Structures are given as structure tokens and as C-alpha cells.
């Protein structure tokens, strides 16, 4: 069955870094565009970053440009989100998303907390 399993979340101090991973299985990973979304308490889910199926193009939310980097390793069926210079407002549940036309898959999410 289809699975997207995120890992790498946790508690980090402001200015610190984390690297999130999302391991995919059960579908043809290399055909899907991949994204990271986040949802903070009391707020709507927002797109953080996206990457095309071959990894040639990326898109970032204005709030994370220059600090976050999305990448993928198709042979390993994994997408990553490198997060640097973290701020308290980056605190949220981060979820992995796969999309091909109208087909969408979601991971369960991983908590990222930025606090001193």
C-alpha cells in the first residue's frame, strides 16, 4: 500500500537546523511531484516547498526562501527538507505530499518545534 513516512522532526533552538526526510513506498515515486506542507496550531495548512518529479524545478513559500531547501533522491524514494536559520514561527506539523495529476497522497506528519 501507499506510504509516506516522515522523520527528522523535533525540538530545536532558534537559529538551528533540522533535516526532514519522507520515505515513499507503494507508488512510482519518480513520477510524482513532491511537496512539504506545514500546519501550525490554529492556522491553515500552507505549502512550504515543492519539487518536480525529476527535481529540476523547485518552489518555496516566501517565508522560507533562502532558509529551506527541498531535494529528492529518486533511487531512494525519498524527499528531503533542509531547514536552516529556524524561527519560532516555523513551529508546525510538517507533512509530505505526493501529486500526479489528480492523485494525491499524504504522510502523517512530523512535529517541528522551534523554541529556546
PDB file of N, CA and C in Angstrom:
ATOM      1  N   UNK A   1       0.826  -1.185   0.000  1.00  0.00           N
ATOM      2  CA  UNK A   1       0.000   0.000   0.000  1.00  0.00           C
ATOM      3  C   UNK A   1       0.866   1.243   0.000  1.00  0.00           C
ATOM      4  N   UNK A   2       0.254   2.368  -0.335  1.00  0.00           N
ATOM      5  CA  UNK A   2       0.989   3.619  -0.402  1.00  0.00           C
ATOM      6  C   UNK A   2       1.353   4.094   1.000  1.00  0.00           C
ATOM      7  N   UNK A   3       2.618   4.476   1.156  1.00  0.00           N
ATOM      8  CA  UNK A   3       3.065   5.034   2.426  1.00  0.00           C
ATOM      9  C   UNK A   3       4.002   6.208   2.175  1.00  0.00           C
ATOM     10  N   UNK A   4       3.804   7.249   2.966  1.00  0.00           N
ATOM     11  CA  UNK A   4       4.739   8.370   3.050  1.00  0.00           C
ATOM     12  C   UNK A   4       5.060   8.516   4.532  1.00  0.00           C
ATOM     13  N   UNK A   5       6.321   8.297   4.882  1.00  0.00           N
ATOM     14  CA  UNK A   5       6.706   8.289   6.286  1.00  0.00           C
ATOM     15  C   UNK A   5       7.746   9.378   6.525  1.00  0.00           C
ATOM     16  N   UNK A   6       7.329  10.393   7.281  1.00  0.00           N
ATOM     17  CA  UNK A   6       8.231  11.498   7.596  1.00  0.00           C
ATOM     18  C   UNK A   6       9.066  11.192   8.840  1.00  0.00           C
ATOM     19  N   UNK A   7      10.244  11.768   8.885  1.00  0.00           N
ATOM     20  CA  UNK A   7      11.106  11.655  10.051  1.00  0.00           C
ATOM     21  C   UNK A   7      12.001  12.888  10.117  1.00  0.00           C
ATOM     22  N   UNK A   8      12.642  13.073  11.268  1.00  0.00           N
ATOM     23  CA  UNK A   8      13.600  14.161  11.412  1.00  0.00           C
ATOM     24  C   UNK A   8      13.112  15.362  12.186  1.00  0.00           C
ATOM     25  N   UNK A   9      11.848  15.363  12.574  1.00  0.00           N
ATOM     26  CA  UNK A   9      11.336  16.479  13.349  1.00  0.00           C
ATOM     27  C   UNK A   9      11.861  16.446  14.773  1.00  0.00           C
ATOM     28  N   UNK A  10      11.556  17.508  15.517  1.00  0.00           N
ATOM     29  CA  UNK A  10      11.982  17.563  16.896  1.00  0.00           C
ATOM     30  C   UNK A  10      12.002  18.977  17.424  1.00  0.00           C
ATOM     31  N   UNK A  11      12.669  19.142  18.560  1.00  0.00           N
ATOM     32  CA  UNK A  11      12.799  20.440  19.212  1.00  0.00           C
ATOM     33  C   UNK A  11      14.172  21.022  18.882  1.00  0.00           C
ATOM     34  N   UNK A  12      14.185  22.275  18.430  1.00  0.00           N
ATOM     35  CA  UNK A  12      15.439  22.935  18.078  1.00  0.00           C
ATOM     36  C   UNK A  12      15.369  24.388  18.537  1.00  0.00           C
ATOM     37  N   UNK A  13      16.522  24.940  18.872  1.00  0.00           N
ATOM     38  CA  UNK A  13      16.572  26.344  19.296  1.00  0.00           C
ATOM     39  C   UNK A  13      16.501  27.273  18.084  1.00  0.00           C
ATOM     40  N   UNK A  14      16.022  28.486  18.289  1.00  0.00           N
ATOM     41  CA  UNK A  14      16.027  29.462  17.186  1.00  0.00           C
ATOM     42  C   UNK A  14      17.437  29.608  16.602  1.00  0.00           C
ATOM     43  N   UNK A  15      17.490  29.659  15.279  1.00  0.00           N
ATOM     44  CA  UNK A  15      18.760  29.718  14.577  1.00  0.00           C
ATOM     45  C   UNK A  15      19.336  28.365  14.230  1.00  0.00           C
ATOM     46  N   UNK A  16      18.738  27.318  14.743  1.00  0.00           N
ATOM     47  CA  UNK A  16      19.233  25.971  14.487  1.00  0.00           C
ATOM     48  C   UNK A  16      18.741  25.397  13.167  1.00  0.00           C
ATOM     49  N   UNK A  17      19.106  24.137  12.944  1.00  0.00           N
ATOM     50  CA  UNK A  17      18.770  23.457  11.699  1.00  0.00           C
ATOM     51  C   UNK A  17      18.164  22.090  11.965  1.00  0.00           C
ATOM     52  N   UNK A  18      17.343  21.656  11.044  1.00  0.00           N
ATOM     53  CA  UNK A  18      16.805  20.303  11.037  1.00  0.00           C
ATOM     54  C   UNK A  18      16.719  19.846   9.588  1.00  0.00           C
ATOM     55  N   UNK A  19      16.801  18.539   9.397  1.00  0.00           N
ATOM     56  CA  UNK A  19      16.594  17.954   8.069  1.00  0.00           C
ATOM     57  C   UNK A  19      15.475  16.941   8.164  1.00  0.00           C
ATOM     58  N   UNK A  20      14.388  17.213   7.473  1.00  0.00           N
ATOM     59  CA  UNK A  20      13.273  16.283   7.417  1.00  0.00           C
ATOM     60  C   UNK A  20      13.448  15.344   6.235  1.00  0.00           C
ATOM     61  N   UNK A  21      13.005  14.106   6.427  1.00  0.00           N
ATOM     62  CA  UNK A  21      13.006  13.108   5.355  1.00  0.00           C
ATOM     63  C   UNK A  21      11.606  12.544   5.210  1.00  0.00           C
ATOM     64  N   UNK A  22      11.274  12.153   3.998  1.00  0.00           N
ATOM     65  CA  UNK A  22       9.998  11.500   3.729  1.00  0.00           C
ATOM     66  C   UNK A  22      10.287  10.305   2.827  1.00  0.00           C
ATOM     67  N   UNK A  23      10.102   9.117   3.376  1.00  0.00           N
ATOM     68  CA  UNK A  23      10.339   7.882   2.629  1.00  0.00           C
ATOM     69  C   UNK A  23       9.030   7.405   2.024  1.00  0.00           C
ATOM     70  N   UNK A  24       9.046   7.190   0.721  1.00  0.00           N
ATOM     71  CA  UNK A  24       7.835   6.810  -0.009  1.00  0.00           C
ATOM     72  C   UNK A  24       7.893   5.351  -0.436  1.00  0.00           C
ATOM     73  N   UNK A  25       6.724   4.723  -0.487  1.00  0.00           N
ATOM     74  CA  UNK A  25       6.623   3.357  -0.983  1.00  0.00           C
ATOM     75  C   UNK A  25       5.215   3.118  -1.499  1.00  0.00           C
ATOM     76  N   UNK A  26       5.089   2.122  -2.364  1.00  0.00           N
ATOM     77  CA  UNK A  26       3.775   1.732  -2.857  1.00  0.00           C
ATOM     78  C   UNK A  26       3.299   2.463  -4.093  1.00  0.00           C
ATOM     79  N   UNK A  27       4.135   3.334  -4.648  1.00  0.00           N
ATOM     80  CA  UNK A  27       3.779   4.024  -5.894  1.00  0.00           C
ATOM     81  C   UNK A  27       5.077   4.409  -6.602  1.00  0.00           C
ATOM     82  N   UNK A  28       4.954   4.845  -7.840  1.00  0.00           N
ATOM     83  CA  UNK A  28       6.124   5.187  -8.647  1.00  0.00           C
ATOM     84  C   UNK A  28       6.608   6.581  -8.271  1.00  0.00           C
ATOM     85  N   UNK A  29       7.451   6.636  -7.264  1.00  0.00           N
ATOM     86  CA  UNK A  29       7.892   7.903  -6.671  1.00  0.00           C
ATOM     87  C   UNK A  29       8.430   8.876  -7.714  1.00  0.00           C
ATOM     88  N   UNK A  30       9.215   8.380  -8.637  1.00  0.00           N
ATOM     89  CA  UNK A  30       9.893   9.267  -9.592  1.00  0.00           C
ATOM     90  C   UNK A  30       8.933   9.974 -10.545  1.00  0.00           C
ATOM     91  N   UNK A  31       7.691   9.554 -10.592  1.00  0.00           N
ATOM     92  CA  UNK A  31       6.706  10.183 -11.473  1.00  0.00           C
ATOM     93  C   UNK A  31       5.945  11.321 -10.796  1.00  0.00           C
ATOM     94  N   UNK A  32       6.084  11.428  -9.498  1.00  0.00           N
ATOM     95  CA  UNK A  32       5.272  12.347  -8.712  1.00  0.00           C
ATOM     96  C   UNK A  32       6.026  13.607  -8.328  1.00  0.00           C
ATOM     97  N   UNK A  33       5.323  14.734  -8.414  1.00  0.00           N
ATOM     98  CA  UNK A  33       5.821  15.948  -7.784  1.00  0.00           C
ATOM     99  C   UNK A  33       5.664  15.777  -6.275  1.00  0.00           C
ATOM    100  N   UNK A  34       6.630  16.299  -5.537  1.00  0.00           N
ATOM    101  CA  UNK A  34       6.609  16.154  -4.082  1.00  0.00           C
ATOM    102  C   UNK A  34       6.622  17.518  -3.416  1.00  0.00           C
ATOM    103  N   UNK A  35       5.950  17.595  -2.303  1.00  0.00           N
ATOM    104  CA  UNK A  35       5.875  18.861  -1.578  1.00  0.00           C
ATOM    105  C   UNK A  35       5.953  18.622  -0.081  1.00  0.00           C
ATOM    106  N   UNK A  36       6.318  19.673   0.604  1.00  0.00           N
ATOM    107  CA  UNK A  36       6.205  19.728   2.063  1.00  0.00           C
ATOM    108  C   UNK A  36       5.193  20.822   2.404  1.00  0.00           C
ATOM    109  N   UNK A  37       4.254  20.479   3.270  1.00  0.00           N
ATOM    110  CA  UNK A  37       3.296  21.412   3.815  1.00  0.00           C
ATOM    111  C   UNK A  37       3.512  21.497   5.323  1.00  0.00           C
ATOM    112  N   UNK A  38       2.971  22.549   5.920  1.00  0.00           N
ATOM    113  CA  UNK A  38       3.013  22.640   7.375  1.00  0.00           C
ATOM    114  C   UNK A  38       1.713  23.252   7.889  1.00  0.00           C
ATOM    115  N   UNK A  39       1.397  22.890   9.121  1.00  0.00           N
ATOM    116  CA  UNK A  39       0.215  23.443   9.768  1.00  0.00           C
ATOM    117  C   UNK A  39       0.535  23.733  11.224  1.00  0.00           C
ATOM    118  N   UNK A  40       0.417  24.995  11.588  1.00  0.00           N
ATOM    119  CA  UNK A  40       0.623  25.415  12.968  1.00  0.00           C
ATOM    120  C   UNK A  40      -0.720  25.417  13.688  1.00  0.00           C
ATOM    121  N   UNK A  41      -0.694  25.314  15.009  1.00  0.00           N
ATOM    122  CA  UNK A  41      -1.954  25.309  15.765  1.00  0.00           C
ATOM    123  C   UNK A  41      -2.786  26.548  15.466  1.00  0.00           C
ATOM    124  N   UNK A  42      -4.062  26.325  15.146  1.00  0.00           N
ATOM    125  CA  UNK A  42      -4.970  27.430  14.888  1.00  0.00           C
ATOM    126  C   UNK A  42      -4.817  28.079  13.535  1.00  0.00           C
ATOM    127  N   UNK A  43      -3.954  27.529  12.698  1.00  0.00           N
ATOM    128  CA  UNK A  43      -3.726  28.112  11.373  1.00  0.00           C
ATOM    129  C   UNK A  43      -4.036  27.093  10.289  1.00  0.00           C
ATOM    130  N   UNK A  44      -4.238  27.610   9.076  1.00  0.00           N
ATOM    131  CA  UNK A  44      -4.497  26.719   7.956  1.00  0.00           C
ATOM    132  C   UNK A  44      -3.186  26.099   7.474  1.00  0.00           C
ATOM    133  N   UNK A  45      -3.309  24.952   6.840  1.00  0.00           N
ATOM    134  CA  UNK A  45      -2.135  24.303   6.266  1.00  0.00           C
ATOM    135  C   UNK A  45      -1.602  25.150   5.117  1.00  0.00           C
ATOM    136  N   UNK A  46      -0.279  25.267   5.045  1.00  0.00           N
ATOM    137  CA  UNK A  46       0.332  26.058   3.990  1.00  0.00           C
ATOM    138  C   UNK A  46       1.420  25.269   3.290  1.00  0.00           C
ATOM    139  N   UNK A  47       1.595  25.578   2.013  1.00  0.00           N
ATOM    140  CA  UNK A  47       2.660  24.970   1.228  1.00  0.00           C
ATOM    141  C   UNK A  47       3.996  25.585   1.628  1.00  0.00           C
ATOM    142  N   UNK A  48       4.973  24.732   1.907  1.00  0.00           N
ATOM    143  CA  UNK A  48       6.310  25.197   2.268  1.00  0.00           C
ATOM    144  C   UNK A  48       7.233  25.174   1.052  1.00  0.00           C
ATOM    145  N   UNK A  49       7.259  24.018   0.366  1.00  0.00           N
ATOM    146  CA  UNK A  49       8.149  23.868  -0.785  1.00  0.00           C
ATOM    147  C   UNK A  49       7.681  22.718  -1.647  1.00  0.00           C
ATOM    148  N   UNK A  50       7.958  22.820  -2.956  1.00  0.00           N
ATOM    149  CA  UNK A  50       7.623  21.761  -3.893  1.00  0.00           C
ATOM    150  C   UNK A  50       8.796  21.500  -4.808  1.00  0.00           C
ATOM    151  N   UNK A  51       8.838  20.274  -5.341  1.00  0.00           N
ATOM    152  CA  UNK A  51       9.880  19.897  -6.286  1.00  0.00           C
ATOM    153  C   UNK A  51       9.260  19.013  -7.356  1.00  0.00           C
ATOM    154  N   UNK A  52       9.653  19.241  -8.604  1.00  0.00           N
ATOM    155  CA  UNK A  52       9.097  18.454  -9.690  1.00  0.00           C
ATOM    156  C   UNK A  52       9.635  17.028  -9.673  1.00  0.00           C
ATOM    157  N   UNK A  53       9.033  16.179 -10.508  1.00  0.00           N
ATOM    158  CA  UNK A  53       9.319  14.747 -10.433  1.00  0.00           C
ATOM    159  C   UNK A  53      10.798  14.425 -10.650  1.00  0.00           C
ATOM    160  N   UNK A  54      11.438  15.127 -11.580  1.00  0.00           N
ATOM    161  CA  UNK A  54      12.859  14.882 -11.851  1.00  0.00           C
ATOM    162  C   UNK A  54      13.766  15.773 -11.013  1.00  0.00           C
ATOM    163  N   UNK A  55      13.171  16.655 -10.250  1.00  0.00           N
ATOM    164  CA  UNK A  55      13.958  17.522  -9.371  1.00  0.00           C
ATOM    165  C   UNK A  55      14.496  18.769 -10.021  1.00  0.00           C
ATOM    166  N   UNK A  56      14.039  19.061 -11.246  1.00  0.00           N
ATOM    167  CA  UNK A  56      14.612  20.186 -11.961  1.00  0.00           C
ATOM    168  C   UNK A  56      14.096  21.542 -11.543  1.00  0.00           C
ATOM    169  N   UNK A  57      12.926  21.560 -10.921  1.00  0.00           N
ATOM    170  CA  UNK A  57      12.338  22.841 -10.528  1.00  0.00           C
ATOM    171  C   UNK A  57      11.817  22.767  -9.105  1.00  0.00           C
ATOM    172  N   UNK A  58      11.990  23.876  -8.380  1.00  0.00           N
ATOM    173  CA  UNK A  58      11.516  23.961  -7.004  1.00  0.00           C
ATOM    174  C   UNK A  58      10.754  25.261  -6.801  1.00  0.00           C
ATOM    175  N   UNK A  59       9.871  25.247  -5.833  1.00  0.00           N
ATOM    176  CA  UNK A  59       9.083  26.416  -5.460  1.00  0.00           C
ATOM    177  C   UNK A  59       9.083  26.500  -3.942  1.00  0.00           C
ATOM    178  N   UNK A  60       9.176  27.731  -3.433  1.00  0.00           N
ATOM    179  CA  UNK A  60       9.208  27.933  -1.986  1.00  0.00           C
ATOM    180  C   UNK A  60       8.215  29.009  -1.569  1.00  0.00           C
ATOM    181  N   UNK A  61       7.677  28.856  -0.374  1.00  0.00           N
ATOM    182  CA  UNK A  61       6.903  29.933   0.233  1.00  0.00           C
ATOM    183  C   UNK A  61       7.855  31.097   0.525  1.00  0.00           C
ATOM    184  N   UNK A  62       7.341  32.305   0.407  1.00  0.00           N
ATOM    185  CA  UNK A  62       8.184  33.477   0.659  1.00  0.00           C
ATOM    186  C   UNK A  62       8.802  33.441   2.055  1.00  0.00           C
ATOM    187  N   UNK A  63       8.069  32.891   3.001  1.00  0.00           N
ATOM    188  CA  UNK A  63       8.519  32.903   4.389  1.00  0.00           C
ATOM    189  C   UNK A  63       9.733  32.004   4.643  1.00  0.00           C
ATOM    190  N   UNK A  64      10.031  31.093   3.714  1.00  0.00           N
ATOM    191  CA  UNK A  64      11.151  30.167   3.935  1.00  0.00           C
ATOM    192  C   UNK A  64      12.253  30.303   2.880  1.00  0.00           C
ATOM    193  N   UNK A  65      12.050  31.150   1.881  1.00  0.00           N
ATOM    194  CA  UNK A  65      13.062  31.322   0.831  1.00  0.00           C
ATOM    195  C   UNK A  65      14.400  31.738   1.426  1.00  0.00           C
ATOM    196  N   UNK A  66      15.454  31.065   0.965  1.00  0.00           N
ATOM    197  CA  UNK A  66      16.785  31.363   1.456  1.00  0.00           C
ATOM    198  C   UNK A  66      17.154  30.621   2.725  1.00  0.00           C
ATOM    199  N   UNK A  67      16.175  29.991   3.357  1.00  0.00           N
ATOM    200  CA  UNK A  67      16.448  29.247   4.600  1.00  0.00           C
ATOM    201  C   UNK A  67      16.212  27.748   4.445  1.00  0.00           C
ATOM    202  N   UNK A  68      15.216  27.375   3.647  1.00  0.00           N
ATOM    203  CA  UNK A  68      14.852  25.968   3.452  1.00  0.00           C
ATOM    204  C   UNK A  68      15.247  25.519   2.049  1.00  0.00           C
ATOM    205  N   UNK A  69      15.587  24.237   1.931  1.00  0.00           N
ATOM    206  CA  UNK A  69      15.906  23.647   0.635  1.00  0.00           C
ATOM    207  C   UNK A  69      15.226  22.293   0.515  1.00  0.00           C
ATOM    208  N   UNK A  70      14.434  22.124  -0.541  1.00  0.00           N
ATOM    209  CA  UNK A  70      13.817  20.829  -0.817  1.00  0.00           C
ATOM    210  C   UNK A  70      14.667  20.097  -1.849  1.00  0.00           C
ATOM    211  N   UNK A  71      14.793  18.785  -1.665  1.00  0.00           N
ATOM    212  CA  UNK A  71      15.545  17.962  -2.617  1.00  0.00           C
ATOM    213  C   UNK A  71      14.950  16.567  -2.612  1.00  0.00           C
ATOM    214  N   UNK A  72      15.348  15.770  -3.592  1.00  0.00           N
ATOM    215  CA  UNK A  72      14.830  14.407  -3.663  1.00  0.00           C
ATOM    216  C   UNK A  72      15.896  13.475  -4.199  1.00  0.00           C
ATOM    217  N   UNK A  73      15.768  12.225  -3.808  1.00  0.00           N
ATOM    218  CA  UNK A  73      16.651  11.156  -4.284  1.00  0.00           C
ATOM    219  C   UNK A  73      15.735  10.079  -4.839  1.00  0.00           C
ATOM    220  N   UNK A  74      15.528  10.085  -6.136  1.00  0.00           N
ATOM    221  CA  UNK A  74      14.560   9.150  -6.727  1.00  0.00           C
ATOM    222  C   UNK A  74      14.950   7.685  -6.564  1.00  0.00           C
ATOM    223  N   UNK A  75      16.212   7.310  -6.714  1.00  0.00           N
ATOM    224  CA  UNK A  75      16.553   5.900  -6.464  1.00  0.00           C
ATOM    225  C   UNK A  75      16.248   5.456  -5.025  1.00  0.00           C
ATOM    226  N   UNK A  76      16.267   6.388  -4.075  1.00  0.00           N
ATOM    227  CA  UNK A  76      15.973   6.050  -2.685  1.00  0.00           C
ATOM    228  C   UNK A  76      14.519   6.323  -2.302  1.00  0.00           C
ATOM    229  N   UNK A  77      13.719   6.814  -3.261  1.00  0.00           N
ATOM    230  CA  UNK A  77      12.307   7.107  -2.999  1.00  0.00           C
ATOM    231  C   UNK A  77      12.137   8.025  -1.792  1.00  0.00           C
ATOM    232  N   UNK A  78      12.945   9.047  -1.718  1.00  0.00           N
ATOM    233  CA  UNK A  78      12.945   9.923  -0.551  1.00  0.00           C
ATOM    234  C   UNK A  78      13.019  11.385  -0.975  1.00  0.00           C
ATOM    235  N   UNK A  79      12.263  12.206  -0.267  1.00  0.00           N
ATOM    236  CA  UNK A  79      12.330  13.652  -0.436  1.00  0.00           C
ATOM    237  C   UNK A  79      12.770  14.254   0.897  1.00  0.00           C
ATOM    238  N   UNK A  80      13.530  15.341   0.800  1.00  0.00           N
ATOM    239  CA  UNK A  80      14.110  15.956   1.983  1.00  0.00           C
ATOM    240  C   UNK A  80      13.700  17.429   2.085  1.00  0.00           C
ATOM    241  N   UNK A  81      13.749  17.935   3.301  1.00  0.00           N
ATOM    242  CA  UNK A  81      13.599  19.366   3.519  1.00  0.00           C
ATOM    243  C   UNK A  81      14.672  19.784   4.513  1.00  0.00           C
ATOM    244  N   UNK A  82      15.680  20.484   4.018  1.00  0.00           N
ATOM    245  CA  UNK A  82      16.720  21.030   4.874  1.00  0.00           C
ATOM    246  C   UNK A  82      16.259  22.386   5.367  1.00  0.00           C
ATOM    247  N   UNK A  83      16.193  22.543   6.676  1.00  0.00           N
ATOM    248  CA  UNK A  83      15.685  23.768   7.273  1.00  0.00           C
ATOM    249  C   UNK A  83      16.788  24.413   8.112  1.00  0.00           C
ATOM    250  N   UNK A  84      17.218  25.591   7.706  1.00  0.00           N
ATOM    251  CA  UNK A  84      18.250  26.329   8.411  1.00  0.00           C
ATOM    252  C   UNK A  84      17.691  27.635   8.972  1.00  0.00           C
ATOM    253  N   UNK A  85      18.428  28.233   9.886  1.00  0.00           N
ATOM    254  CA  UNK A  85      18.030  29.511  10.489  1.00  0.00           C
ATOM    255  C   UNK A  85      16.574  29.469  10.965  1.00  0.00           C
ATOM    256  N   UNK A  86      16.244  28.423  11.669  1.00  0.00           N
ATOM    257  CA  UNK A  86      14.849  28.225  12.088  1.00  0.00           C
ATOM    258  C   UNK A  86      14.394  29.312  13.051  1.00  0.00           C
ATOM    259  N   UNK A  87      13.116  29.657  12.924  1.00  0.00           N
ATOM    260  CA  UNK A  87      12.488  30.686  13.735  1.00  0.00           C
ATOM    261  C   UNK A  87      11.319  30.082  14.518  1.00  0.00           C
ATOM    262  N   UNK A  88      10.936  30.693  15.619  1.00  0.00           N
ATOM    263  CA  UNK A  88       9.775  30.166  16.362  1.00  0.00           C
ATOM    264  C   UNK A  88       8.527  30.044  15.498  1.00  0.00           C
ATOM    265  N   UNK A  89       8.375  30.931  14.534  1.00  0.00           N
ATOM    266  CA  UNK A  89       7.184  30.864  13.667  1.00  0.00           C
ATOM    267  C   UNK A  89       7.227  29.706  12.673  1.00  0.00           C
ATOM    268  N   UNK A  90       8.334  28.973  12.632  1.00  0.00           N
ATOM    269  CA  UNK A  90       8.397  27.760  11.821  1.00  0.00           C
ATOM    270  C   UNK A  90       7.806  26.554  12.556  1.00  0.00           C
ATOM    271  N   UNK A  91       7.447  26.725  13.806  1.00  0.00           N
ATOM    272  CA  UNK A  91       6.861  25.636  14.586  1.00  0.00           C
ATOM    273  C   UNK A  91       5.551  25.185  13.959  1.00  0.00           C
ATOM    274  N   UNK A  92       5.462  23.881  13.663  1.00  0.00           N
ATOM    275  CA  UNK A  92       4.280  23.329  12.996  1.00  0.00           C
ATOM    276  C   UNK A  92       4.453  21.828  12.844  1.00  0.00           C
ATOM    277  N   UNK A  93       3.382  21.189  12.405  1.00  0.00           N
ATOM    278  CA  UNK A  93       3.473  19.814  11.929  1.00  0.00           C
ATOM    279  C   UNK A  93       3.769  19.872  10.431  1.00  0.00           C
ATOM    280  N   UNK A  94       4.844  19.226  10.033  1.00  0.00           N
ATOM    281  CA  UNK A  94       5.275  19.224   8.633  1.00  0.00           C
ATOM    282  C   UNK A  94       4.868  17.892   7.997  1.00  0.00           C
ATOM    283  N   UNK A  95       4.188  17.994   6.859  1.00  0.00           N
ATOM    284  CA  UNK A  95       3.691  16.798   6.176  1.00  0.00           C
ATOM    285  C   UNK A  95       4.217  16.729   4.751  1.00  0.00           C
ATOM    286  N   UNK A  96       4.452  15.526   4.336  1.00  0.00           N
ATOM    287  CA  UNK A  96       4.926  15.230   2.992  1.00  0.00           C
ATOM    288  C   UNK A  96       3.717  14.962   2.093  1.00  0.00           C
ATOM    289  N   UNK A  97       3.800  15.407   0.836  1.00  0.00           N
ATOM    290  CA  UNK A  97       2.676  15.254  -0.098  1.00  0.00           C
ATOM    291  C   UNK A  97       3.206  14.847  -1.457  1.00  0.00           C
ATOM    292  N   UNK A  98       2.516  13.900  -2.080  1.00  0.00           N
ATOM    293  CA  UNK A  98       2.852  13.448  -3.433  1.00  0.00           C
ATOM    294  C   UNK A  98       1.672  13.724  -4.348  1.00  0.00           C
ATOM    295  N   UNK A  99       1.957  14.199  -5.554  1.00  0.00           N
ATOM    296  CA  UNK A  99       0.881  14.514  -6.501  1.00  0.00           C
ATOM    297  C   UNK A  99       1.265  14.131  -7.920  1.00  0.00           C
ATOM    298  N   UNK A 100       0.303  13.469  -8.584  1.00  0.00           N
ATOM    299  CA  UNK A 100       0.410  13.185 -10.018  1.00  0.00           C
ATOM    300  C   UNK A 100      -0.983  13.361 -10.596  1.00  0.00           C
ATOM    301  N   UNK A 101      -1.170  14.442 -11.351  1.00  0.00           N
ATOM    302  CA  UNK A 101      -2.488  14.810 -11.878  1.00  0.00           C
ATOM    303  C   UNK A 101      -3.468  14.923 -10.717  1.00  0.00           C
ATOM    304  N   UNK A 102      -4.501  14.103 -10.658  1.00  0.00           N
ATOM    305  CA  UNK A 102      -5.496  14.230  -9.586  1.00  0.00           C
ATOM    306  C   UNK A 102      -5.227  13.273  -8.428  1.00  0.00           C
ATOM    307  N   UNK A 103      -4.150  12.527  -8.503  1.00  0.00           N
ATOM    308  CA  UNK A 103      -3.834  11.575  -7.442  1.00  0.00           C
ATOM    309  C   UNK A 103      -2.976  12.280  -6.388  1.00  0.00           C
ATOM    310  N   UNK A 104      -3.411  12.178  -5.143  1.00  0.00           N
ATOM    311  CA  UNK A 104      -2.694  12.830  -4.043  1.00  0.00           C
ATOM    312  C   UNK A 104      -2.487  11.841  -2.907  1.00  0.00           C
ATOM    313  N   UNK A 105      -1.295  11.866  -2.333  1.00  0.00           N
ATOM    314  CA  UNK A 105      -1.000  11.073  -1.142  1.00  0.00           C
ATOM    315  C   UNK A 105      -0.392  11.985  -0.075  1.00  0.00           C
ATOM    316  N   UNK A 106      -0.733  11.671   1.181  1.00  0.00           N
ATOM    317  CA  UNK A 106      -0.226  12.456   2.312  1.00  0.00           C
ATOM    318  C   UNK A 106       0.467  11.562   3.328  1.00  0.00           C
ATOM    319  N   UNK A 107       1.490  12.115   3.953  1.00  0.00           N
ATOM    320  CA  UNK A 107       2.092  11.461   5.099  1.00  0.00           C
ATOM    321  C   UNK A 107       1.371  11.872   6.370  1.00  0.00           C
ATOM    322  N   UNK A 108       1.802  11.279   7.491  1.00  0.00           N
ATOM    323  CA  UNK A 108       1.120  11.534   8.763  1.00  0.00           C
ATOM    324  C   UNK A 108       1.643  12.782   9.462  1.00  0.00           C
ATOM    325  N   UNK A 109       2.802  13.252   9.041  1.00  0.00           N
ATOM    326  CA  UNK A 109       3.346  14.480   9.603  1.00  0.00           C
ATOM    327  C   UNK A 109       4.369  14.242  10.699  1.00  0.00           C
ATOM    328  N   UNK A 110       5.241  15.237  10.867  1.00  0.00           N
ATOM    329  CA  UNK A 110       6.233  15.207  11.933  1.00  0.00           C
ATOM    330  C   UNK A 110       6.284  16.595  12.580  1.00  0.00           C
ATOM    331  N   UNK A 111       6.364  16.618  13.894  1.00  0.00           N
ATOM    332  CA  UNK A 111       6.320  17.881  14.629  1.00  0.00           C
ATOM    333  C   UNK A 111       7.694  18.546  14.633  1.00  0.00           C
ATOM    334  N   UNK A 112       7.700  19.816  14.303  1.00  0.00           N
ATOM    335  CA  UNK A 112       8.901  20.653  14.419  1.00  0.00           C
ATOM    336  C   UNK A 112       8.567  21.773  15.397  1.00  0.00           C
ATOM    337  N   UNK A 113       9.364  21.885  16.449  1.00  0.00           N
ATOM    338  CA  UNK A 113       9.165  22.925  17.445  1.00  0.00           C
ATOM    339  C   UNK A 113      10.449  23.738  17.576  1.00  0.00           C
ATOM    340  N   UNK A 114      10.323  25.039  17.365  1.00  0.00           N
ATOM    341  CA  UNK A 114      11.475  25.933  17.461  1.00  0.00           C
ATOM    342  C   UNK A 114      11.273  26.813  18.698  1.00  0.00           C
ATOM    343  N   UNK A 115      12.089  26.568  19.696  1.00  0.00           N
ATOM    344  CA  UNK A 115      11.911  27.272  20.968  1.00  0.00           C
ATOM    345  C   UNK A 115      13.204  27.249  21.766  1.00  0.00           C
ATOM    346  N   UNK A 116      13.414  28.298  22.535  1.00  0.00           N
ATOM    347  CA  UNK A 116      14.577  28.341  23.410  1.00  0.00           C
ATOM    348  C   UNK A 116      14.209  27.838  24.808  1.00  0.00           C
TER     349      UNK A 116
END
